[in-house]
């Protein structure tokens, strides 16, 4: 009998070890399944104010309106309540079509935000408008900015925040000022800087200190404006965007592990491509990890993490199946509804990424783009849009 029991135990040992090592993943999968809309989970009544998309540098258009306004109008008409724009001086590059930009050489962030195109785009009834800008106070590597450049950064963010609070004081709307993918800035500004465990530079402390100073300057600018403009229905928030969360979990230095615990932004954005496994398990773990590492300002209740970028390239070979894409999105929605993420921002409204650099700037063929879209170049809705549309309705 003892020999028989030992044999059974030996045979079951691999199963036991497998179950033990994946217990937390199974728990996460069960939670995701519970919150998946396809499984009958309740979609929040305010889903319009959770879902949104980025409009920036798309490679096609459909009307004669200035490109910035066309995109904002289109997103609003489709029922989304969150709009993400790029707010910097590169307006001709970001919003080129049917537009006559007349920006003075002395333009600052307020000059851009007060331009008639931006004012009209931001006049649509979005509940939240995210404004992305990076390095307004200086040039070069962000973590090497001088004291003078950091002071200029704080002043520009302060001026923009005060302008928004005063201009939209009679409207209940949230503006979120954020950077773009801060881990690339931490690594030197290049998306090609992929660190490994054995290739991390030896100046991590200096990089971290520089990024801490930069984010503190931006937060200070927002807070100073909020202190001065007290009676406004509009709110201005400052977010830090991270994008290499999974590397931090593996022990590679990054914003989430080395910078977030030392600063106090209002909330944190995750450009979440590094966490987009098909089942959503890594996405779930990433949100948890960011929450545990952040030290928020206290202006909002709790440790608020939102998804500043998320998207699936629908024209890549393995992604052309609508059923596969819909299932992935439903997994991600299960994660983000379970985690009570306040904003989920699709990249993007019109795709900005051609498959090859040889493609002309203006694109009319779907197959020439990678497929980060809600609306395809031929005007038809992408798989993501078809999925989101069911949630919105």
Protein backbone atom coordinates (compact mmCIF):
# COMPACT_ATOMS: atom_id res chain seq x y z
CA UNK A 1 0.00 0.00 0.00
CA UNK A 2 2.82 2.38 0.87
CA UNK A 3 4.53 1.61 -2.44
CA UNK A 4 1.25 2.22 -4.30
CA UNK A 5 0.80 5.61 -2.55
CA UNK A 6 4.36 6.59 -3.40
CA UNK A 7 3.74 5.73 -7.06
CA UNK A 8 0.55 7.82 -7.15
CA UNK A 9 2.31 10.71 -5.42
CA UNK A 10 5.17 10.51 -7.90
CA UNK A 11 2.77 10.56 -10.86
CA UNK A 12 0.80 13.49 -9.46
CA UNK A 13 3.85 15.56 -8.47
CA UNK A 14 4.20 17.39 -11.83
CA UNK A 15 0.50 18.31 -11.73
CA UNK A 16 0.83 19.57 -8.16
CA UNK A 17 3.88 21.68 -8.99
CA UNK A 18 2.19 23.07 -12.10
CA UNK A 19 -0.93 23.99 -10.14
CA UNK A 20 1.11 25.62 -7.38
CA UNK A 21 3.20 27.73 -9.76
CA UNK A 22 0.14 28.97 -11.63
CA UNK A 23 -2.29 29.47 -8.79
CA UNK A 24 -2.20 33.26 -8.95
CA UNK A 25 -2.57 33.21 -12.73
CA UNK A 26 -5.61 30.97 -12.44
CA UNK A 27 -7.13 33.34 -9.90
CA UNK A 28 -6.51 36.25 -12.25
CA UNK A 29 -8.05 34.34 -15.18
CA UNK A 30 -11.14 33.61 -13.10
CA UNK A 31 -11.47 37.29 -12.21
CA UNK A 32 -11.05 38.34 -15.83
CA UNK A 33 -13.71 35.85 -16.91
CA UNK A 34 -16.11 37.25 -14.33
CA UNK A 35 -15.79 40.77 -15.73
CA UNK A 36 -15.77 39.98 -19.45
CA UNK A 37 -18.73 41.60 -21.25
CA UNK A 38 -18.99 38.55 -23.53
CA UNK A 39 -19.67 36.44 -20.43
CA UNK A 40 -22.58 38.66 -19.44
CA UNK A 41 -20.70 41.00 -17.10
CA UNK A 42 -22.41 44.32 -16.56
CA UNK A 43 -20.99 47.16 -18.62
CA UNK A 44 -20.72 50.35 -16.50
CA UNK A 45 -23.42 52.89 -17.22
CA UNK A 46 -20.70 55.53 -17.66
CA UNK A 47 -18.75 53.49 -20.22
CA UNK A 48 -18.76 56.51 -22.58
CA UNK A 49 -16.67 58.39 -20.04
CA UNK A 50 -14.21 55.50 -19.74
CA UNK A 51 -13.52 54.73 -23.40
CA UNK A 52 -11.61 57.03 -25.72
CA UNK A 53 -8.99 57.25 -28.44
CA UNK A 54 -5.96 59.25 -29.47
CA UNK A 55 -6.13 61.55 -32.49
CA UNK A 56 -2.64 62.47 -33.69
CA UNK A 57 -0.63 62.14 -36.91
CA UNK A 58 -3.15 59.90 -38.67
CA UNK A 59 -2.27 59.26 -42.30
CA UNK A 60 -5.70 59.79 -43.90
CA UNK A 61 -8.80 61.98 -43.59
CA UNK A 62 -12.41 62.11 -44.82
CA UNK A 63 -13.66 65.71 -44.78
CA UNK A 64 -12.50 69.20 -45.67
CA UNK A 65 -12.39 70.27 -42.02
CA UNK A 66 -9.06 70.98 -40.34
CA UNK A 67 -7.70 67.57 -39.39
CA UNK A 68 -7.64 68.22 -35.64
CA UNK A 69 -11.31 69.23 -35.64
CA UNK A 70 -12.37 66.40 -37.95
CA UNK A 71 -10.99 63.79 -35.59
CA UNK A 72 -12.53 65.31 -32.47
CA UNK A 73 -15.91 65.57 -34.17
CA UNK A 74 -15.69 61.98 -35.43
CA UNK A 75 -14.78 60.56 -32.02
CA UNK A 76 -17.62 62.45 -30.34
CA UNK A 77 -20.12 61.31 -32.97
CA UNK A 78 -19.18 57.68 -32.31
CA UNK A 79 -20.08 58.06 -28.65
CA UNK A 80 -16.69 58.27 -26.93
CA UNK A 81 -16.23 60.55 -23.94
CA UNK A 82 -12.42 60.62 -23.76
CA UNK A 83 -10.22 62.43 -26.29
CA UNK A 84 -6.42 62.32 -26.30
CA UNK A 85 -4.46 64.93 -28.26
CA UNK A 86 -0.85 65.96 -28.69
CA UNK A 87 -0.38 69.50 -27.42
CA UNK A 88 3.01 70.78 -28.49
CA UNK A 89 4.52 73.03 -31.10
CA UNK A 90 4.77 70.32 -33.80
CA UNK A 91 1.21 71.02 -34.91
CA UNK A 92 1.95 70.92 -38.63
CA UNK A 93 3.29 67.38 -38.29
CA UNK A 94 0.62 66.09 -35.92
CA UNK A 95 -2.42 67.66 -37.63
CA UNK A 96 -1.43 68.46 -41.24
CA UNK A 97 -4.50 68.03 -43.44
CA UNK A 98 -6.76 70.93 -44.47
CA UNK A 99 -5.04 73.14 -41.92
CA UNK A 100 -3.34 76.51 -41.95
CA UNK A 101 -1.25 76.73 -38.84
CA UNK A 102 0.10 80.18 -38.10
CA UNK A 103 2.25 79.71 -35.04
CA UNK A 104 4.69 82.45 -34.01
CA UNK A 105 8.27 81.45 -33.28
CA UNK A 106 7.64 82.45 -29.67
CA UNK A 107 4.69 80.04 -29.32
CA UNK A 108 4.24 78.29 -25.99
CA UNK A 109 1.73 75.74 -24.72
CA UNK A 110 -0.92 78.39 -24.07
CA UNK A 111 -0.47 79.70 -27.61
CA UNK A 112 -1.16 76.22 -28.95
CA UNK A 113 -4.10 75.48 -26.62
CA UNK A 114 -5.76 78.79 -27.48
CA UNK A 115 -5.47 78.29 -31.24
CA UNK A 116 -8.94 78.21 -32.88
CA UNK A 117 -8.44 74.62 -34.04
CA UNK A 118 -7.69 73.38 -30.53
CA UNK A 119 -10.46 75.46 -28.99
CA UNK A 120 -13.00 73.98 -31.38
CA UNK A 121 -11.69 70.43 -30.95
CA UNK A 122 -11.90 70.77 -27.17
CA UNK A 123 -15.39 72.30 -27.34
CA UNK A 124 -17.03 68.93 -28.06
CA UNK A 125 -18.71 67.43 -24.98
CA UNK A 126 -15.91 65.12 -23.88
CA UNK A 127 -15.79 64.41 -20.17
CA UNK A 128 -11.99 64.01 -20.22
CA UNK A 129 -9.37 65.47 -22.55
CA UNK A 130 -5.81 64.19 -22.28
CA UNK A 131 -3.08 66.54 -23.51
CA UNK A 132 0.30 64.96 -24.19
CA UNK A 133 3.49 67.01 -24.28
CA UNK A 134 7.10 66.25 -23.48
CA UNK A 135 10.05 68.46 -22.69
CA UNK A 136 8.53 71.89 -23.20
CA UNK A 137 11.11 73.48 -20.92
CA UNK A 138 14.24 72.43 -22.70
CA UNK A 139 15.82 70.32 -25.39
CA UNK A 140 18.01 67.26 -25.29
CA UNK A 141 17.85 64.41 -22.79
CA UNK A 142 15.11 65.04 -20.23
CA UNK A 143 17.01 63.65 -17.25
CA UNK A 144 19.87 66.07 -17.98
CA UNK A 145 17.79 69.27 -17.95
CA UNK A 146 19.37 72.23 -16.20
CA UNK A 147 17.83 74.04 -13.25
CA UNK A 148 16.86 76.89 -15.58
CA UNK A 149 15.15 74.48 -17.98
CA UNK A 150 13.22 72.85 -15.13
CA UNK A 151 12.05 76.27 -13.97
CA UNK A 152 10.84 77.03 -17.49
CA UNK A 153 9.05 73.66 -17.54
CA UNK A 154 7.22 74.44 -14.33
CA UNK A 155 6.20 77.90 -15.60
CA UNK A 156 4.85 76.57 -18.92
CA UNK A 157 2.83 73.80 -17.26
CA UNK A 158 1.55 76.33 -14.72
CA UNK A 159 0.51 78.75 -17.46
CA UNK A 160 -1.26 76.01 -19.44
CA UNK A 161 -3.04 74.72 -16.34
CA UNK A 162 -4.21 78.18 -15.33
CA UNK A 163 -5.40 78.89 -18.87
CA UNK A 164 -7.49 75.70 -18.91
CA UNK A 165 -8.94 76.27 -15.44
CA UNK A 166 -10.00 79.80 -16.33
CA UNK A 167 -11.13 79.22 -19.91
CA UNK A 168 -13.30 76.20 -19.07
CA UNK A 169 -14.35 77.27 -15.58
CA UNK A 170 -18.06 76.92 -16.41
CA UNK A 171 -17.72 73.41 -17.85
CA UNK A 172 -17.41 70.15 -15.97
CA UNK A 173 -14.45 68.58 -17.78
CA UNK A 174 -11.15 67.03 -16.73
CA UNK A 175 -7.93 67.91 -18.53
CA UNK A 176 -5.02 65.55 -17.95
CA UNK A 177 -1.55 66.86 -18.77
CA UNK A 178 0.86 63.98 -19.31
CA UNK A 179 4.14 63.00 -20.93
CA UNK A 180 4.50 60.33 -23.60
CA UNK A 181 6.03 56.93 -22.73
CA UNK A 182 8.39 58.08 -20.00
CA UNK A 183 10.58 54.98 -19.92
CA UNK A 184 11.97 55.89 -23.34
CA UNK A 185 12.87 59.30 -21.90
CA UNK A 186 14.47 57.56 -18.93
CA UNK A 187 16.54 55.45 -21.32
CA UNK A 188 17.64 58.42 -23.37
CA UNK A 189 14.81 59.19 -25.76
CA UNK A 190 15.05 56.28 -28.19
CA UNK A 191 12.53 53.50 -28.64
CA UNK A 192 15.43 51.27 -29.68
CA UNK A 193 16.98 51.41 -26.20
CA UNK A 194 15.89 47.99 -24.97
CA UNK A 195 17.76 47.19 -21.78
CA UNK A 196 18.56 43.67 -20.63
CA UNK A 197 19.56 42.48 -17.19
CA UNK A 198 23.23 42.58 -18.21
CA UNK A 199 23.14 45.84 -20.18
CA UNK A 200 21.76 48.38 -17.71
CA UNK A 201 23.88 51.59 -17.63
CA UNK A 202 25.73 52.52 -14.46
CA UNK A 203 24.16 55.98 -14.13
CA UNK A 204 20.70 54.85 -12.98
CA UNK A 205 20.81 57.09 -9.90
CA UNK A 206 21.51 60.16 -12.06
CA UNK A 207 18.78 59.25 -14.54
CA UNK A 208 16.28 58.69 -11.75
CA UNK A 209 17.14 61.98 -10.03
CA UNK A 210 16.74 63.88 -13.31
CA UNK A 211 13.35 62.35 -14.07
CA UNK A 212 12.18 62.95 -10.52
CA UNK A 213 13.10 66.63 -10.84
CA UNK A 214 11.29 66.92 -14.18
CA UNK A 215 8.07 65.30 -12.99
CA UNK A 216 8.15 67.34 -9.78
CA UNK A 217 8.41 70.53 -11.84
CA UNK A 218 5.37 69.56 -13.90
CA UNK A 219 3.35 68.58 -10.84
CA UNK A 220 4.30 71.85 -9.14
CA UNK A 221 3.06 73.82 -12.14
CA UNK A 222 -0.34 72.13 -12.06
CA UNK A 223 -0.70 72.48 -8.30
CA UNK A 224 0.24 76.17 -8.34
CA UNK A 225 -2.48 76.86 -10.91
CA UNK A 226 -5.06 74.90 -8.93
CA UNK A 227 -4.20 76.91 -5.83
CA UNK A 228 -4.74 80.20 -7.64
CA UNK A 229 -7.91 79.29 -9.55
CA UNK A 230 -10.29 77.96 -6.94
CA UNK A 231 -13.74 78.44 -8.48
CA UNK A 232 -13.69 76.30 -11.61
CA UNK A 233 -15.89 73.39 -12.62
CA UNK A 234 -12.99 72.24 -14.78
CA UNK A 235 -10.21 70.15 -13.24
CA UNK A 236 -6.60 69.95 -14.39
CA UNK A 237 -4.62 66.85 -13.44
CA UNK A 238 -1.02 65.80 -13.96
CA UNK A 239 -0.19 62.24 -14.96
CA UNK A 240 3.08 60.39 -15.44
CA UNK A 241 3.07 57.87 -18.28
CA UNK A 242 5.16 54.70 -17.96
CA UNK A 243 5.66 52.07 -20.65
CA UNK A 244 8.17 49.38 -19.54
CA UNK A 245 6.35 47.99 -16.52
CA UNK A 246 7.08 44.35 -17.27
CA UNK A 247 10.83 45.10 -17.35
CA UNK A 248 10.55 46.61 -13.87
CA UNK A 249 8.78 43.49 -12.61
CA UNK A 250 11.72 41.45 -13.96
CA UNK A 251 14.18 43.66 -12.06
CA UNK A 252 15.31 46.02 -14.84
CA UNK A 253 15.31 49.67 -13.64
CA UNK A 254 12.52 51.88 -14.93
CA UNK A 255 10.12 54.68 -14.03
CA UNK A 256 7.70 52.40 -12.18
CA UNK A 257 10.31 50.93 -9.84
CA UNK A 258 12.87 53.73 -9.56
CA UNK A 259 10.94 56.99 -10.01
CA UNK A 260 7.24 56.59 -9.16
CA UNK A 261 7.87 55.87 -5.44
CA UNK A 262 9.79 59.19 -5.19
CA UNK A 263 7.23 61.51 -6.81
CA UNK A 264 3.58 62.41 -6.24
CA UNK A 265 1.62 62.86 -9.46
CA UNK A 266 -2.17 62.96 -9.42
CA UNK A 267 -2.42 59.72 -11.40
CA UNK A 268 -0.38 57.38 -13.62
CA UNK A 269 -0.88 56.44 -17.26
CA UNK A 270 0.37 53.15 -18.69
CA UNK A 271 1.16 52.81 -22.38
CA UNK A 272 0.49 49.14 -22.02
CA UNK A 273 1.87 47.30 -25.06
CA UNK A 274 4.44 45.47 -22.93
CA UNK A 275 1.59 43.89 -20.95
CA UNK A 276 -0.67 42.79 -23.80
CA UNK A 277 -0.56 39.01 -23.58
CA UNK A 278 -3.60 37.45 -25.23
CA UNK A 279 -5.30 36.39 -21.99
CA UNK A 280 -4.78 39.67 -20.14
CA UNK A 281 -2.88 38.19 -17.19
CA UNK A 282 0.17 40.43 -17.60
CA UNK A 283 -2.06 43.47 -18.09
CA UNK A 284 -3.75 42.69 -14.77
CA UNK A 285 -0.42 42.22 -13.00
CA UNK A 286 0.98 45.43 -14.50
CA UNK A 287 -1.86 47.59 -13.16
CA UNK A 288 -1.37 46.02 -9.72
CA UNK A 289 2.38 46.65 -9.83
CA UNK A 290 2.00 50.32 -10.80
CA UNK A 291 -0.50 50.88 -7.98
CA UNK A 292 1.85 49.35 -5.45
CA UNK A 293 4.76 51.55 -6.53
CA UNK A 294 3.03 54.93 -6.97
CA UNK A 295 2.80 57.61 -4.32
CA UNK A 296 -0.08 59.85 -5.47
CA UNK A 297 -0.61 63.50 -4.63
CA UNK A 298 -3.90 62.84 -2.85
CA UNK A 299 -5.86 65.16 -5.14
CA UNK A 300 -7.81 62.11 -6.32
CA UNK A 301 -9.04 59.28 -4.15
CA UNK A 302 -6.78 56.24 -4.21
CA UNK A 303 -3.93 55.15 -6.45
CA UNK A 304 -5.40 55.93 -9.86
CA UNK A 305 -3.93 54.12 -12.88
CA UNK A 306 -5.37 54.46 -16.37
CA UNK A 307 -4.50 52.98 -19.75
CA UNK A 308 -3.09 55.85 -21.80
CA UNK A 309 -2.32 53.66 -24.81
CA UNK A 310 -3.60 50.27 -25.87
CA UNK A 311 -4.09 48.84 -29.33
CA UNK A 312 -3.82 45.78 -31.55
CA UNK A 313 -2.43 46.22 -35.10
CA UNK A 314 -5.22 44.64 -37.15
CA UNK A 315 -3.33 44.42 -40.45
CA UNK A 316 -0.49 42.33 -39.02
CA UNK A 317 -0.67 38.77 -40.38
CA UNK A 318 -1.84 37.00 -37.21
CA UNK A 319 -4.39 39.69 -36.31
CA UNK A 320 -6.64 39.70 -39.37
CA UNK A 321 -9.21 37.40 -37.77
CA UNK A 322 -12.07 39.38 -36.23
CA UNK A 323 -13.00 36.64 -33.78
CA UNK A 324 -9.43 36.51 -32.44
CA UNK A 325 -9.23 40.29 -32.07
CA UNK A 326 -12.66 40.51 -30.41
CA UNK A 327 -11.71 37.81 -27.90
CA UNK A 328 -8.50 39.66 -27.01
CA UNK A 329 -10.34 42.92 -26.52
CA UNK A 330 -12.92 41.20 -24.32
CA UNK A 331 -10.11 39.77 -22.17
CA UNK A 332 -8.56 43.23 -21.83
CA UNK A 333 -11.93 44.75 -21.00
CA UNK A 334 -12.41 42.08 -18.35
CA UNK A 335 -9.08 43.08 -16.82
CA UNK A 336 -9.71 46.80 -16.88
CA UNK A 337 -13.29 46.60 -15.61
CA UNK A 338 -12.14 44.30 -12.79
CA UNK A 339 -9.37 46.77 -11.94
CA UNK A 340 -11.78 49.72 -12.14
CA UNK A 341 -9.49 51.59 -14.51
CA UNK A 342 -11.05 55.05 -15.11
CA UNK A 343 -9.85 55.57 -18.72
CA UNK A 344 -9.05 53.18 -21.56
CA UNK A 345 -7.58 55.05 -24.53
CA UNK A 346 -7.28 53.22 -27.85
CA UNK A 347 -4.31 53.89 -30.13
CA UNK A 348 -5.76 55.37 -32.21
CA UNK A 349 -8.65 56.94 -34.15
CA UNK A 350 -6.91 56.91 -37.55
CA UNK A 351 -3.78 54.76 -37.90
CA UNK A 352 -0.46 56.62 -37.98
CA UNK A 353 1.85 53.68 -38.75
CA UNK A 354 2.45 52.54 -42.36
CA UNK A 355 3.93 49.08 -42.87
CA UNK A 356 6.93 50.52 -44.71
CA UNK A 357 8.59 53.92 -44.84
CA UNK A 358 8.18 53.99 -48.63
CA UNK A 359 4.43 54.60 -48.25
CA UNK A 360 3.39 58.17 -49.10
CA UNK A 361 2.21 60.37 -46.24
CA UNK A 362 -1.43 60.30 -47.35
CA UNK A 363 -2.74 56.71 -47.37
CA UNK A 364 -5.98 55.40 -48.84
CA UNK A 365 -5.43 51.62 -48.77
CA UNK A 366 -6.06 49.62 -45.60
CA UNK A 367 -3.37 47.05 -46.35
CA UNK A 368 -0.61 49.67 -46.37
CA UNK A 369 -1.14 50.47 -42.69
CA UNK A 370 -0.41 48.35 -39.61
CA UNK A 371 -3.97 48.71 -38.37
CA UNK A 372 -3.88 50.74 -35.14
CA UNK A 373 -7.29 52.28 -35.83
CA UNK A 374 -10.92 52.63 -35.01
CA UNK A 375 -11.64 53.77 -38.56
CA UNK A 376 -9.79 52.31 -41.55
CA UNK A 377 -8.55 54.39 -44.51
CA UNK A 378 -11.52 53.17 -46.57
CA UNK A 379 -13.90 54.58 -43.93
CA UNK A 380 -15.10 51.26 -42.52
CA UNK A 381 -14.91 50.49 -38.79
CA UNK A 382 -12.04 48.32 -37.57
CA UNK A 383 -12.53 45.29 -35.37
CA UNK A 384 -11.83 47.33 -32.23
CA UNK A 385 -14.46 49.89 -33.18
CA UNK A 386 -17.04 47.19 -33.84
CA UNK A 387 -16.35 45.75 -30.39
CA UNK A 388 -16.37 49.10 -28.59
CA UNK A 389 -19.54 50.17 -30.41
CA UNK A 390 -21.45 47.29 -28.82
CA UNK A 391 -20.23 48.39 -25.37
CA UNK A 392 -21.16 52.01 -25.99
CA UNK A 393 -24.67 51.00 -27.03
